[in-house]
PDB file of N, CA and C in Angstrom:
ATOM      1  N   MET A   1     -51.298 -60.195  55.889  1.00  0.00           N
ATOM      2  CA  MET A   1     -49.854 -60.332  55.856  1.00  0.00           C
ATOM      3  C   MET A   1     -49.214 -58.944  55.971  1.00  0.00           C
ATOM      4  N   ARG A   2     -48.301 -58.814  56.902  1.00  0.00           N
ATOM      5  CA  ARG A   2     -47.587 -57.571  57.131  1.00  0.00           C
ATOM      6  C   ARG A   2     -46.287 -57.580  56.341  1.00  0.00           C
ATOM      7  N   LEU A   3     -45.987 -56.470  55.664  1.00  0.00           N
ATOM      8  CA  LEU A   3     -44.733 -56.346  54.928  1.00  0.00           C
ATOM      9  C   LEU A   3     -43.687 -55.653  55.787  1.00  0.00           C
ATOM     10  N   ASN A   4     -42.426 -55.993  55.541  1.00  0.00           N
ATOM     11  CA  ASN A   4     -41.336 -55.325  56.239  1.00  0.00           C
ATOM     12  C   ASN A   4     -41.186 -53.900  55.731  1.00  0.00           C
ATOM     13  N   LYS A   5     -40.820 -53.014  56.646  1.00  0.00           N
ATOM     14  CA  LYS A   5     -40.534 -51.628  56.290  1.00  0.00           C
ATOM     15  C   LYS A   5     -39.281 -51.591  55.409  1.00  0.00           C
ATOM     16  N   ARG A   6     -39.283 -50.765  54.396  1.00  0.00           N
ATOM     17  CA  ARG A   6     -38.188 -50.630  53.437  1.00  0.00           C
ATOM     18  C   ARG A   6     -36.858 -50.346  54.163  1.00  0.00           C
ATOM     19  N   ILE A   7     -35.789 -51.000  53.731  1.00  0.00           N
ATOM     20  CA  ILE A   7     -34.457 -50.805  54.301  1.00  0.00           C
ATOM     21  C   ILE A   7     -33.862 -49.523  53.727  1.00  0.00           C
ATOM     22  N   ILE A   8     -33.349 -48.678  54.605  1.00  0.00           N
ATOM     23  CA  ILE A   8     -32.611 -47.481  54.193  1.00  0.00           C
ATOM     24  C   ILE A   8     -31.207 -47.609  54.771  1.00  0.00           C
ATOM     25  N   CYS A   9     -30.217 -47.497  53.900  1.00  0.00           N
ATOM     26  CA  CYS A   9     -28.826 -47.622  54.317  1.00  0.00           C
ATOM     27  C   CYS A   9     -28.213 -46.247  54.577  1.00  0.00           C
ATOM     28  N   ALA A  10     -27.055 -46.257  55.244  1.00  0.00           N
ATOM     29  CA  ALA A  10     -26.387 -45.023  55.651  1.00  0.00           C
ATOM     30  C   ALA A  10     -26.055 -44.108  54.474  1.00  0.00           C
ATOM     31  N   ASP A  11     -25.765 -44.680  53.301  1.00  0.00           N
ATOM     32  CA  ASP A  11     -25.410 -43.842  52.145  1.00  0.00           C
ATOM     33  C   ASP A  11     -26.626 -43.426  51.313  1.00  0.00           C
ATOM     34  N   GLY A  12     -27.832 -43.767  51.780  1.00  0.00           N
ATOM     35  CA  GLY A  12     -29.056 -43.386  51.079  1.00  0.00           C
ATOM     36  C   GLY A  12     -29.645 -44.474  50.195  1.00  0.00           C
ATOM     37  N   PHE A  13     -28.901 -45.528  49.937  1.00  0.00           N
ATOM     38  CA  PHE A  13     -29.431 -46.657  49.153  1.00  0.00           C
ATOM     39  C   PHE A  13     -30.599 -47.264  49.911  1.00  0.00           C
ATOM     40  N   ASP A  14     -31.675 -47.616  49.202  1.00  0.00           N
ATOM     41  CA  ASP A  14     -32.794 -48.279  49.867  1.00  0.00           C
ATOM     42  C   ASP A  14     -33.374 -49.384  49.001  1.00  0.00           C
ATOM     43  N   MET A  15     -34.052 -50.321  49.662  1.00  0.00           N
ATOM     44  CA  MET A  15     -34.632 -51.474  48.969  1.00  0.00           C
ATOM     45  C   MET A  15     -35.669 -52.115  49.874  1.00  0.00           C
ATOM     46  N   SER A  16     -36.619 -52.777  49.260  1.00  0.00           N
ATOM     47  CA  SER A  16     -37.587 -53.582  49.986  1.00  0.00           C
ATOM     48  C   SER A  16     -37.020 -54.987  50.118  1.00  0.00           C
ATOM     49  N   VAL A  17     -37.086 -55.568  51.310  1.00  0.00           N
ATOM     50  CA  VAL A  17     -36.612 -56.932  51.546  1.00  0.00           C
ATOM     51  C   VAL A  17     -37.753 -57.699  52.210  1.00  0.00           C
ATOM     52  N   GLN A  18     -38.305 -58.673  51.475  1.00  0.00           N
ATOM     53  CA  GLN A  18     -39.499 -59.376  51.940  1.00  0.00           C
ATOM     54  C   GLN A  18     -39.300 -60.892  51.934  1.00  0.00           C
ATOM     55  N   ALA A  19     -40.006 -61.549  52.829  1.00  0.00           N
ATOM     56  CA  ALA A  19     -40.040 -63.009  52.878  1.00  0.00           C
ATOM     57  C   ALA A  19     -41.369 -63.422  53.500  1.00  0.00           C
ATOM     58  N   ASN A  20     -42.171 -64.114  52.710  1.00  0.00           N
ATOM     59  CA  ASN A  20     -43.465 -64.613  53.178  1.00  0.00           C
ATOM     60  C   ASN A  20     -43.979 -65.616  52.152  1.00  0.00           C
ATOM     61  N   GLU A  21     -45.155 -66.147  52.380  1.00  0.00           N
ATOM     62  CA  GLU A  21     -45.689 -67.201  51.507  1.00  0.00           C
ATOM     63  C   GLU A  21     -45.926 -66.733  50.069  1.00  0.00           C
ATOM     64  N   ASN A  22     -45.998 -65.423  49.843  1.00  0.00           N
ATOM     65  CA  ASN A  22     -46.233 -64.892  48.496  1.00  0.00           C
ATOM     66  C   ASN A  22     -44.981 -64.321  47.842  1.00  0.00           C
ATOM     67  N   ALA A  23     -43.864 -64.361  48.532  1.00  0.00           N
ATOM     68  CA  ALA A  23     -42.622 -63.773  48.028  1.00  0.00           C
ATOM     69  C   ALA A  23     -41.710 -64.855  47.449  1.00  0.00           C
ATOM     70  N   TYR A  24     -40.753 -64.412  46.639  1.00  0.00           N
ATOM     71  CA  TYR A  24     -39.724 -65.302  46.100  1.00  0.00           C
ATOM     72  C   TYR A  24     -38.646 -65.471  47.161  1.00  0.00           C
ATOM     73  N   CYS A  25     -38.876 -66.391  48.089  1.00  0.00           N
ATOM     74  CA  CYS A  25     -37.965 -66.581  49.214  1.00  0.00           C
ATOM     75  C   CYS A  25     -37.881 -68.075  49.546  1.00  0.00           C
ATOM     76  N   SER A  26     -36.946 -68.388  50.440  1.00  0.00           N
ATOM     77  CA  SER A  26     -36.808 -69.765  50.886  1.00  0.00           C
ATOM     78  C   SER A  26     -36.553 -69.768  52.391  1.00  0.00           C
ATOM     79  N   PRO A  27     -37.378 -70.478  53.165  1.00  0.00           N
ATOM     80  CA  PRO A  27     -38.565 -71.221  52.740  1.00  0.00           C
ATOM     81  C   PRO A  27     -39.678 -70.259  52.325  1.00  0.00           C
ATOM     82  N   ARG A  28     -40.567 -70.746  51.505  1.00  0.00           N
ATOM     83  CA  ARG A  28     -41.649 -69.905  50.982  1.00  0.00           C
ATOM     84  C   ARG A  28     -42.881 -70.028  51.882  1.00  0.00           C
ATOM     85  N   ILE A  29     -42.704 -69.552  53.106  1.00  0.00           N
ATOM     86  CA  ILE A  29     -43.765 -69.534  54.112  1.00  0.00           C
ATOM     87  C   ILE A  29     -43.698 -68.198  54.851  1.00  0.00           C
ATOM     88  N   SER A  30     -44.772 -67.839  55.511  1.00  0.00           N
ATOM     89  CA  SER A  30     -44.780 -66.631  56.325  1.00  0.00           C
ATOM     90  C   SER A  30     -44.263 -66.938  57.722  1.00  0.00           C
ATOM     91  N   SER A  31     -43.567 -65.988  58.313  1.00  0.00           N
ATOM     92  CA  SER A  31     -43.099 -66.059  59.701  1.00  0.00           C
ATOM     93  C   SER A  31     -42.150 -67.216  59.985  1.00  0.00           C
ATOM     94  N   ALA A  32     -41.288 -67.545  59.044  1.00  0.00           N
ATOM     95  CA  ALA A  32     -40.274 -68.575  59.299  1.00  0.00           C
ATOM     96  C   ALA A  32     -39.283 -68.052  60.335  1.00  0.00           C
ATOM     97  N   ALA A  33     -38.682 -68.950  61.061  1.00  0.00           N
ATOM     98  CA  ALA A  33     -37.677 -68.564  62.046  1.00  0.00           C
ATOM     99  C   ALA A  33     -36.425 -68.014  61.371  1.00  0.00           C
ATOM    100  N   ARG A  34     -36.148 -68.496  60.160  1.00  0.00           N
ATOM    101  CA  ARG A  34     -34.944 -68.088  59.428  1.00  0.00           C
ATOM    102  C   ARG A  34     -35.193 -68.284  57.936  1.00  0.00           C
ATOM    103  N   TYR A  35     -34.770 -67.309  57.151  1.00  0.00           N
ATOM    104  CA  TYR A  35     -34.861 -67.400  55.690  1.00  0.00           C
ATOM    105  C   TYR A  35     -33.453 -67.477  55.112  1.00  0.00           C
ATOM    106  N   SER A  36     -33.251 -68.397  54.175  1.00  0.00           N
ATOM    107  CA  SER A  36     -31.946 -68.508  53.523  1.00  0.00           C
ATOM    108  C   SER A  36     -31.873 -67.648  52.265  1.00  0.00           C
ATOM    109  N   ALA A  37     -33.029 -67.277  51.716  1.00  0.00           N
ATOM    110  CA  ALA A  37     -33.096 -66.406  50.540  1.00  0.00           C
ATOM    111  C   ALA A  37     -34.369 -65.571  50.639  1.00  0.00           C
ATOM    112  N   VAL A  38     -34.310 -64.348  50.122  1.00  0.00           N
ATOM    113  CA  VAL A  38     -35.424 -63.412  50.229  1.00  0.00           C
ATOM    114  C   VAL A  38     -35.683 -62.722  48.892  1.00  0.00           C
ATOM    115  N   GLU A  39     -36.778 -62.000  48.844  1.00  0.00           N
ATOM    116  CA  GLU A  39     -37.126 -61.193  47.676  1.00  0.00           C
ATOM    117  C   GLU A  39     -36.750 -59.743  47.941  1.00  0.00           C
ATOM    118  N   ILE A  40     -36.052 -59.144  46.996  1.00  0.00           N
ATOM    119  CA  ILE A  40     -35.729 -57.717  47.068  1.00  0.00           C
ATOM    120  C   ILE A  40     -36.511 -57.032  45.970  1.00  0.00           C
ATOM    121  N   GLY A  41     -37.071 -55.881  46.292  1.00  0.00           N
ATOM    122  CA  GLY A  41     -37.856 -55.141  45.313  1.00  0.00           C
ATOM    123  C   GLY A  41     -37.418 -53.706  45.185  1.00  0.00           C
ATOM    124  N   TYR A  42     -37.334 -53.265  43.961  1.00  0.00           N
ATOM    125  CA  TYR A  42     -37.201 -51.853  43.607  1.00  0.00           C
ATOM    126  C   TYR A  42     -36.139 -51.102  44.399  1.00  0.00           C
ATOM    127  N   PRO A  43     -34.861 -51.529  44.284  1.00  0.00           N
ATOM    128  CA  PRO A  43     -33.803 -50.772  44.948  1.00  0.00           C
ATOM    129  C   PRO A  43     -33.687 -49.378  44.338  1.00  0.00           C
ATOM    130  N   SER A  44     -33.172 -48.450  45.130  1.00  0.00           N
ATOM    131  CA  SER A  44     -33.084 -47.060  44.677  1.00  0.00           C
ATOM    132  C   SER A  44     -32.055 -46.860  43.565  1.00  0.00           C
ATOM    133  N   ASP A  45     -31.046 -47.721  43.511  1.00  0.00           N
ATOM    134  CA  ASP A  45     -29.997 -47.635  42.489  1.00  0.00           C
ATOM    135  C   ASP A  45     -29.617 -49.027  42.034  1.00  0.00           C
ATOM    136  N   MET A  46     -28.912 -49.100  40.916  1.00  0.00           N
ATOM    137  CA  MET A  46     -28.398 -50.376  40.437  1.00  0.00           C
ATOM    138  C   MET A  46     -27.344 -50.871  41.425  1.00  0.00           C
ATOM    139  N   GLU A  47     -27.436 -52.129  41.795  1.00  0.00           N
ATOM    140  CA  GLU A  47     -26.466 -52.751  42.698  1.00  0.00           C
ATOM    141  C   GLU A  47     -25.980 -54.027  42.026  1.00  0.00           C
ATOM    142  N   GLU A  48     -24.694 -54.044  41.646  1.00  0.00           N
ATOM    143  CA  GLU A  48     -24.134 -55.159  40.879  1.00  0.00           C
ATOM    144  C   GLU A  48     -24.293 -56.511  41.557  1.00  0.00           C
ATOM    145  N   MET A  49     -24.196 -56.556  42.883  1.00  0.00           N
ATOM    146  CA  MET A  49     -24.316 -57.844  43.584  1.00  0.00           C
ATOM    147  C   MET A  49     -25.703 -58.449  43.441  1.00  0.00           C
ATOM    148  N   LEU A  50     -26.695 -57.621  43.150  1.00  0.00           N
ATOM    149  CA  LEU A  50     -28.071 -58.113  43.022  1.00  0.00           C
ATOM    150  C   LEU A  50     -28.443 -58.512  41.600  1.00  0.00           C
ATOM    151  N   LEU A  51     -27.721 -58.007  40.611  1.00  0.00           N
ATOM    152  CA  LEU A  51     -28.109 -58.214  39.207  1.00  0.00           C
ATOM    153  C   LEU A  51     -28.341 -59.669  38.799  1.00  0.00           C
ATOM    154  N   PRO A  52     -27.575 -60.639  39.307  1.00  0.00           N
ATOM    155  CA  PRO A  52     -27.840 -62.028  38.900  1.00  0.00           C
ATOM    156  C   PRO A  52     -29.243 -62.531  39.271  1.00  0.00           C
ATOM    157  N   TYR A  53     -29.927 -61.853  40.179  1.00  0.00           N
ATOM    158  CA  TYR A  53     -31.232 -62.286  40.667  1.00  0.00           C
ATOM    159  C   TYR A  53     -32.384 -61.457  40.092  1.00  0.00           C
ATOM    160  N   ALA A  54     -32.068 -60.495  39.223  1.00  0.00           N
ATOM    161  CA  ALA A  54     -33.069 -59.563  38.695  1.00  0.00           C
ATOM    162  C   ALA A  54     -33.997 -60.225  37.696  1.00  0.00           C
ATOM    163  N   GLU A  55     -35.291 -59.952  37.829  1.00  0.00           N
ATOM    164  CA  GLU A  55     -36.246 -60.397  36.815  1.00  0.00           C
ATOM    165  C   GLU A  55     -36.070 -59.601  35.533  1.00  0.00           C
ATOM    166  N   ASN A  56     -35.732 -58.318  35.659  1.00  0.00           N
ATOM    167  CA  ASN A  56     -35.537 -57.451  34.504  1.00  0.00           C
ATOM    168  C   ASN A  56     -34.251 -56.648  34.702  1.00  0.00           C
ATOM    169  N   PRO A  57     -33.086 -57.223  34.368  1.00  0.00           N
ATOM    170  CA  PRO A  57     -31.817 -56.546  34.622  1.00  0.00           C
ATOM    171  C   PRO A  57     -31.621 -55.253  33.824  1.00  0.00           C
ATOM    172  N   GLU A  58     -32.404 -55.058  32.766  1.00  0.00           N
ATOM    173  CA  GLU A  58     -32.296 -53.824  31.986  1.00  0.00           C
ATOM    174  C   GLU A  58     -32.878 -52.627  32.740  1.00  0.00           C
ATOM    175  N   GLN A  59     -33.699 -52.873  33.736  1.00  0.00           N
ATOM    176  CA  GLN A  59     -34.280 -51.809  34.560  1.00  0.00           C
ATOM    177  C   GLN A  59     -34.026 -52.146  36.031  1.00  0.00           C
ATOM    178  N   PRO A  60     -32.777 -52.017  36.476  1.00  0.00           N
ATOM    179  CA  PRO A  60     -32.403 -52.506  37.808  1.00  0.00           C
ATOM    180  C   PRO A  60     -33.093 -51.830  38.987  1.00  0.00           C
ATOM    181  N   SER A  61     -33.612 -50.630  38.810  1.00  0.00           N
ATOM    182  CA  SER A  61     -34.323 -49.967  39.911  1.00  0.00           C
ATOM    183  C   SER A  61     -35.828 -50.146  39.825  1.00  0.00           C
ATOM    184  N   ASN A  62     -36.268 -50.854  38.810  1.00  0.00           N
ATOM    185  CA  ASN A  62     -37.702 -51.025  38.584  1.00  0.00           C
ATOM    186  C   ASN A  62     -38.039 -52.500  38.373  1.00  0.00           C
ATOM    187  N   THR A  63     -37.493 -53.347  39.250  1.00  0.00           N
ATOM    188  CA  THR A  63     -37.717 -54.777  39.110  1.00  0.00           C
ATOM    189  C   THR A  63     -37.647 -55.466  40.468  1.00  0.00           C
ATOM    190  N   VAL A  64     -37.983 -56.742  40.457  1.00  0.00           N
ATOM    191  CA  VAL A  64     -37.923 -57.602  41.636  1.00  0.00           C
ATOM    192  C   VAL A  64     -36.727 -58.537  41.470  1.00  0.00           C
ATOM    193  N   TYR A  65     -36.100 -58.857  42.580  1.00  0.00           N
ATOM    194  CA  TYR A  65     -34.948 -59.757  42.611  1.00  0.00           C
ATOM    195  C   TYR A  65     -35.365 -60.982  43.416  1.00  0.00           C
ATOM    196  N   ALA A  66     -35.377 -62.141  42.772  1.00  0.00           N
ATOM    197  CA  ALA A  66     -35.920 -63.355  43.382  1.00  0.00           C
ATOM    198  C   ALA A  66     -34.841 -64.223  44.011  1.00  0.00           C
ATOM    199  N   TYR A  67     -35.182 -64.809  45.157  1.00  0.00           N
ATOM    200  CA  TYR A  67     -34.340 -65.780  45.858  1.00  0.00           C
ATOM    201  C   TYR A  67     -32.907 -65.277  46.057  1.00  0.00           C
ATOM    202  N   VAL A  68     -32.782 -64.067  46.558  1.00  0.00           N
ATOM    203  CA  VAL A  68     -31.462 -63.491  46.848  1.00  0.00           C
ATOM    204  C   VAL A  68     -30.953 -64.125  48.150  1.00  0.00           C
ATOM    205  N   PRO A  69     -29.784 -64.772  48.113  1.00  0.00           N
ATOM    206  CA  PRO A  69     -29.265 -65.402  49.329  1.00  0.00           C
ATOM    207  C   PRO A  69     -29.082 -64.393  50.463  1.00  0.00           C
ATOM    208  N   ALA A  70     -29.326 -64.853  51.680  1.00  0.00           N
ATOM    209  CA  ALA A  70     -29.189 -63.991  52.858  1.00  0.00           C
ATOM    210  C   ALA A  70     -27.803 -63.373  52.932  1.00  0.00           C
ATOM    211  N   SER A  71     -26.781 -64.127  52.571  1.00  0.00           N
ATOM    212  CA  SER A  71     -25.409 -63.605  52.623  1.00  0.00           C
ATOM    213  C   SER A  71     -25.206 -62.432  51.668  1.00  0.00           C
ATOM    214  N   VAL A  72     -25.849 -62.472  50.511  1.00  0.00           N
ATOM    215  CA  VAL A  72     -25.746 -61.371  49.545  1.00  0.00           C
ATOM    216  C   VAL A  72     -26.437 -60.128  50.105  1.00  0.00           C
ATOM    217  N   VAL A  73     -27.583 -60.309  50.725  1.00  0.00           N
ATOM    218  CA  VAL A  73     -28.295 -59.180  51.332  1.00  0.00           C
ATOM    219  C   VAL A  73     -27.404 -58.522  52.383  1.00  0.00           C
ATOM    220  N   SER A  74     -26.756 -59.322  53.212  1.00  0.00           N
ATOM    221  CA  SER A  74     -25.859 -58.795  54.246  1.00  0.00           C
ATOM    222  C   SER A  74     -24.704 -58.006  53.633  1.00  0.00           C
ATOM    223  N   LEU A  75     -24.139 -58.526  52.556  1.00  0.00           N
ATOM    224  CA  LEU A  75     -23.027 -57.836  51.891  1.00  0.00           C
ATOM    225  C   LEU A  75     -23.473 -56.514  51.270  1.00  0.00           C
ATOM    226  N   VAL A  76     -24.647 -56.497  50.667  1.00  0.00           N
ATOM    227  CA  VAL A  76     -25.176 -55.262  50.078  1.00  0.00           C
ATOM    228  C   VAL A  76     -25.373 -54.206  51.167  1.00  0.00           C
ATOM    229  N   ILE A  77     -25.948 -54.608  52.273  1.00  0.00           N
ATOM    230  CA  ILE A  77     -26.170 -53.669  53.384  1.00  0.00           C
ATOM    231  C   ILE A  77     -24.841 -53.124  53.900  1.00  0.00           C
ATOM    232  N   ALA A  78     -23.860 -54.000  54.085  1.00  0.00           N
ATOM    233  CA  ALA A  78     -22.547 -53.563  54.565  1.00  0.00           C
ATOM    234  C   ALA A  78     -21.897 -52.601  53.577  1.00  0.00           C
ATOM    235  N   LYS A  79     -21.981 -52.909  52.290  1.00  0.00           N
ATOM    236  CA  LYS A  79     -21.401 -52.052  51.249  1.00  0.00           C
ATOM    237  C   LYS A  79     -21.973 -50.637  51.311  1.00  0.00           C
ATOM    238  N   HIS A  80     -23.243 -50.527  51.673  1.00  0.00           N
ATOM    239  CA  HIS A  80     -23.921 -49.225  51.689  1.00  0.00           C
ATOM    240  C   HIS A  80     -23.946 -48.590  53.079  1.00  0.00           C
ATOM    241  N   GLY A  81     -23.081 -49.070  53.976  1.00  0.00           N
ATOM    242  CA  GLY A  81     -22.882 -48.405  55.254  1.00  0.00           C
ATOM    243  C   GLY A  81     -23.755 -48.863  56.400  1.00  0.00           C
ATOM    244  N   GLY A  82     -24.528 -49.928  56.200  1.00  0.00           N
ATOM    245  CA  GLY A  82     -25.384 -50.437  57.263  1.00  0.00           C
ATOM    246  C   GLY A  82     -26.780 -49.843  57.210  1.00  0.00           C
ATOM    247  N   ILE A  83     -27.646 -50.385  58.044  1.00  0.00           N
ATOM    248  CA  ILE A  83     -29.054 -49.982  58.079  1.00  0.00           C
ATOM    249  C   ILE A  83     -29.244 -48.807  59.034  1.00  0.00           C
ATOM    250  N   VAL A  84     -29.935 -47.775  58.563  1.00  0.00           N
ATOM    251  CA  VAL A  84     -30.332 -46.681  59.453  1.00  0.00           C
ATOM    252  C   VAL A  84     -31.823 -46.737  59.759  1.00  0.00           C
ATOM    253  N   ASP A  85     -32.587 -47.449  58.919  1.00  0.00           N
ATOM    254  CA  ASP A  85     -34.018 -47.614  59.172  1.00  0.00           C
ATOM    255  C   ASP A  85     -34.524 -48.800  58.356  1.00  0.00           C
ATOM    256  N   GLY A  86     -35.612 -49.389  58.822  1.00  0.00           N
ATOM    257  CA  GLY A  86     -36.237 -50.489  58.095  1.00  0.00           C
ATOM    258  C   GLY A  86     -36.160 -51.800  58.842  1.00  0.00           C
ATOM    259  N   GLU A  87     -36.676 -52.853  58.195  1.00  0.00           N
ATOM    260  CA  GLU A  87     -36.767 -54.173  58.818  1.00  0.00           C
ATOM    261  C   GLU A  87     -36.321 -55.253  57.844  1.00  0.00           C
ATOM    262  N   LEU A  88     -35.635 -56.241  58.389  1.00  0.00           N
ATOM    263  CA  LEU A  88     -35.232 -57.408  57.612  1.00  0.00           C
ATOM    264  C   LEU A  88     -36.054 -58.620  58.041  1.00  0.00           C
ATOM    265  N   PRO A  89     -36.262 -59.565  57.136  1.00  0.00           N
ATOM    266  CA  PRO A  89     -36.881 -60.830  57.527  1.00  0.00           C
ATOM    267  C   PRO A  89     -35.996 -61.570  58.538  1.00  0.00           C
ATOM    268  N   ASN A  90     -36.576 -62.508  59.248  1.00  0.00           N
ATOM    269  CA  ASN A  90     -35.850 -63.300  60.238  1.00  0.00           C
ATOM    270  C   ASN A  90     -34.656 -64.016  59.621  1.00  0.00           C
ATOM    271  N   GLY A  91     -33.552 -64.006  60.354  1.00  0.00           N
ATOM    272  CA  GLY A  91     -32.390 -64.794  59.968  1.00  0.00           C
ATOM    273  C   GLY A  91     -31.448 -64.149  58.983  1.00  0.00           C
ATOM    274  N   ILE A  92     -31.657 -62.888  58.631  1.00  0.00           N
ATOM    275  CA  ILE A  92     -30.733 -62.212  57.727  1.00  0.00           C
ATOM    276  C   ILE A  92     -29.673 -61.530  58.595  1.00  0.00           C
ATOM    277  N   PRO A  93     -28.436 -62.019  58.568  1.00  0.00           N
ATOM    278  CA  PRO A  93     -27.410 -61.448  59.440  1.00  0.00           C
ATOM    279  C   PRO A  93     -26.936 -60.082  58.938  1.00  0.00           C
ATOM    280  N   TYR A  94     -26.703 -59.163  59.870  1.00  0.00           N
ATOM    281  CA  TYR A  94     -26.134 -57.858  59.531  1.00  0.00           C
ATOM    282  C   TYR A  94     -25.582 -57.218  60.794  1.00  0.00           C
ATOM    283  N   LEU A  95     -24.649 -56.297  60.628  1.00  0.00           N
ATOM    284  CA  LEU A  95     -24.099 -55.565  61.760  1.00  0.00           C
ATOM    285  C   LEU A  95     -24.983 -54.400  62.082  1.00  0.00           C
ATOM    286  N   LYS A  96     -25.317 -54.247  63.344  1.00  0.00           N
ATOM    287  CA  LYS A  96     -26.164 -53.124  63.759  1.00  0.00           C
ATOM    288  C   LYS A  96     -25.348 -51.856  63.918  1.00  0.00           C
ATOM    289  N   GLU A  97     -24.054 -51.999  64.144  1.00  0.00           N
ATOM    290  CA  GLU A  97     -23.193 -50.836  64.295  1.00  0.00           C
ATOM    291  C   GLU A  97     -22.079 -50.913  63.269  1.00  0.00           C
ATOM    292  N   ILE A  98     -21.746 -49.772  62.722  1.00  0.00           N
ATOM    293  CA  ILE A  98     -20.600 -49.689  61.811  1.00  0.00           C
ATOM    294  C   ILE A  98     -19.381 -49.299  62.649  1.00  0.00           C
ATOM    295  N   ILE A  99     -18.363 -50.104  62.580  1.00  0.00           N
ATOM    296  CA  ILE A  99     -17.154 -49.854  63.401  1.00  0.00           C
ATOM    297  C   ILE A  99     -16.151 -49.064  62.605  1.00  0.00           C
TER     298      ILE A  99
END
């Protein structure tokens, strides 16, 4: 199983975004055409939009976030200036260019 490369945003915020048969995602299969929720791991900083999904909210940069809706992932990326490097699972909408 191949993991996605960590997402790095324009403002330096980064996070792992994964979806596969072993991740907390929906559907919980590998190589789905589209995921409605994904697993986020170990973001570089506390991000309030992610806290409701944290396994350990007391350590927001040292935890996994389960079943994060695709729309929330898109909003987090937009808030942090868009993606400058990394990979998202299939079906996670985001703007490739910041206007």
